Amino acid sequence: MSASVSLLTVHPRKLAAVRREVMPGAIGSAWGSALDQVWTFIRSQPSLWTDGHNIFLYHHPSEPDAPILCDFGVEVTRIFETAGEVYATETPRGEAAVAVHRGPYNRMNEARDAIRKMDGCESEGVRWSLVGDLRRSDAESSRH
């Protein structure tokens, strides 16, 4: 299944996140424990979360096959003081290539590949995914 790609202007989203350095191909095994820390923190902070999504930021290196800095986060209502590994960050603003993936997480690469095929799309820099419930097989994800 091929994902369609749109160019949209996006606004920053506030996140509570935990950063991990992850080798390409290992993201699927790294996000769980990081998000567990974020959710534990959020539950201890009244009104920090209402209905925000899980959002993953990928800070791609310029060298191929180098580790990717990943911020595994949850959309929150406000900034806050860092607590342990959980810190406040936000998604980039500006023009973004957007593809929507509905289906299992292990097929989300189809959306990523569609974005990469766009003319002028660089492999380095910041990319992000707005991710549905990763523990459900019908999770919805949007790649930016």
Protein backbone atom coordinates (compact mmCIF):
# COMPACT_ATOMS: atom_id res chain seq x y z
CA MET A 1 0.00 0.00 0.00
CA SER A 2 1.46 3.36 -1.01
CA ALA A 3 0.89 6.40 1.21
CA SER A 4 0.03 9.76 -0.33
CA VAL A 5 2.09 12.76 0.75
CA SER A 6 0.89 16.32 1.30
CA LEU A 7 2.81 19.50 2.09
CA LEU A 8 1.32 21.28 5.10
CA THR A 9 2.27 24.14 7.39
CA VAL A 10 2.59 22.74 10.90
CA HIS A 11 2.76 24.47 14.27
CA PRO A 12 4.88 23.34 17.22
CA ARG A 13 3.38 20.85 19.65
CA LYS A 14 4.57 20.79 23.26
CA LEU A 15 5.92 17.42 24.38
CA ALA A 16 7.06 15.59 27.49
CA ALA A 17 9.78 13.28 26.18
CA VAL A 18 12.64 10.92 26.98
CA ARG A 19 15.62 10.95 24.60
CA ARG A 20 17.36 7.78 23.44
CA GLU A 21 20.22 7.18 21.01
CA VAL A 22 18.99 4.39 18.76
CA MET A 23 20.58 2.52 15.88
CA PRO A 24 18.59 2.50 12.62
CA GLY A 25 16.17 -0.41 12.70
CA ALA A 26 16.02 -0.57 16.52
CA ILE A 27 13.38 2.10 17.17
CA GLY A 28 10.64 -0.50 17.56
CA SER A 29 12.42 -2.01 20.57
CA ALA A 30 13.37 1.35 22.15
CA TRP A 31 10.15 3.37 22.45
CA GLY A 32 8.30 1.27 25.05
CA SER A 33 10.43 1.87 28.14
CA ALA A 34 10.91 5.54 27.21
CA LEU A 35 7.16 6.16 26.90
CA ASP A 36 6.55 4.27 30.16
CA GLN A 37 8.73 6.89 31.91
CA VAL A 38 6.89 9.74 30.20
CA TRP A 39 3.45 8.38 31.14
CA THR A 40 4.53 7.79 34.76
CA PHE A 41 5.63 11.44 34.93
CA ILE A 42 2.48 12.76 33.22
CA ARG A 43 0.22 10.89 35.65
CA SER A 44 1.95 12.70 38.53
CA GLN A 45 1.30 16.16 37.01
CA PRO A 46 -2.29 17.43 37.23
CA SER A 47 -3.64 18.85 33.96
CA LEU A 48 -0.38 18.29 32.03
CA TRP A 49 -2.14 15.91 29.64
CA THR A 50 -5.70 16.07 28.32
CA ASP A 51 -5.86 14.15 25.05
CA GLY A 52 -2.46 14.58 23.38
CA HIS A 53 -0.88 11.96 21.14
CA ASN A 54 2.31 9.97 21.40
CA ILE A 55 4.83 11.79 19.21
CA PHE A 56 8.30 10.59 18.27
CA LEU A 57 10.97 13.07 17.10
CA TYR A 58 13.84 11.66 15.07
CA HIS A 59 17.02 13.77 14.87
CA HIS A 60 18.72 12.08 11.90
CA PRO A 61 22.51 12.27 11.69
CA SER A 62 24.35 13.31 8.55
CA GLU A 63 26.34 10.03 8.50
CA PRO A 64 24.54 6.96 7.13
CA ASP A 65 24.00 4.17 9.64
CA ALA A 66 24.93 6.42 12.60
CA PRO A 67 22.68 6.32 15.69
CA ILE A 68 19.54 8.46 15.60
CA LEU A 69 18.66 10.68 18.54
CA CYS A 70 15.01 9.89 19.26
CA ASP A 71 12.70 11.84 21.54
CA PHE A 72 9.87 9.51 22.53
CA GLY A 73 7.16 11.79 23.83
CA VAL A 74 3.56 12.64 24.54
CA GLU A 75 1.80 15.84 23.58
CA VAL A 76 1.15 17.97 26.69
CA THR A 77 -0.65 21.20 27.57
CA ARG A 78 2.30 23.24 28.91
CA ILE A 79 6.03 23.34 29.49
CA PHE A 80 7.39 22.00 32.78
CA GLU A 81 10.61 21.50 34.72
CA THR A 82 12.75 18.49 33.74
CA ALA A 83 12.25 15.50 36.05
CA GLY A 84 14.78 12.68 35.72
CA GLU A 85 14.97 11.81 32.03
CA VAL A 86 11.63 13.45 31.16
CA TYR A 87 12.06 16.91 29.67
CA ALA A 88 9.99 19.49 27.79
CA THR A 89 10.53 19.86 24.05
CA GLU A 90 8.42 20.56 20.97
CA THR A 91 7.96 19.55 17.37
CA PRO A 92 9.36 21.78 14.62
CA ARG A 93 7.25 24.45 12.95
CA GLY A 94 7.06 25.24 9.27
CA GLU A 95 6.37 23.38 6.05
CA ALA A 96 6.27 19.60 6.43
CA ALA A 97 5.74 16.63 4.17
CA VAL A 98 2.91 14.62 5.73
CA ALA A 99 1.82 11.05 5.05
CA VAL A 100 -0.83 9.16 7.01
CA HIS A 101 -0.44 5.49 7.89
CA ARG A 102 -3.35 3.51 9.32
CA GLY A 103 -2.38 0.03 10.32
CA PRO A 104 0.25 -1.91 12.20
CA TYR A 105 3.36 -0.14 13.45
CA ASN A 106 5.65 -2.54 11.57
CA ARG A 107 4.29 -1.15 8.25
CA MET A 108 4.75 2.52 9.14
CA ASN A 109 7.87 2.53 6.96
CA GLU A 110 5.53 2.77 3.95
CA ALA A 111 4.66 6.34 4.97
CA ARG A 112 8.33 7.16 5.62
CA ASP A 113 9.32 5.76 2.22
CA ALA A 114 6.63 7.83 0.47
CA ILE A 115 8.01 11.00 2.07
CA ARG A 116 11.58 10.09 1.12
CA LYS A 117 10.56 9.71 -2.54
CA MET A 118 9.49 13.36 -2.69
CA ASP A 119 11.85 15.61 -4.62
CA GLY A 120 14.25 17.47 -2.35
CA CYS A 121 13.50 15.42 0.76
CA GLU A 122 16.75 15.12 2.71
CA SER A 123 17.60 12.08 4.82
CA GLU A 124 19.14 14.13 7.63
CA GLY A 125 17.44 16.60 9.96
CA VAL A 126 14.38 16.31 12.19
CA ARG A 127 11.40 14.14 11.35
CA TRP A 128 8.53 13.20 13.56
CA SER A 129 5.65 10.78 13.89
CA LEU A 130 2.31 11.38 15.54
CA VAL A 131 1.47 7.90 16.72
CA GLY A 132 -1.78 6.29 17.87
CA ASP A 133 -1.96 3.61 20.55
CA LEU A 134 1.07 1.47 19.70
CA ARG A 135 -0.27 -1.49 21.61
CA ARG A 136 -3.26 -1.79 19.22
CA SER A 137 -2.90 -3.44 15.84
CA ASP A 138 -4.94 -0.72 14.11
CA ALA A 139 -2.88 2.20 15.41
CA GLU A 140 -2.88 5.35 13.27
CA SER A 141 0.35 7.16 12.58
CA SER A 142 1.23 10.29 10.71
CA ARG A 143 4.79 10.87 9.50
CA HIS A 144 6.24 14.38 9.16
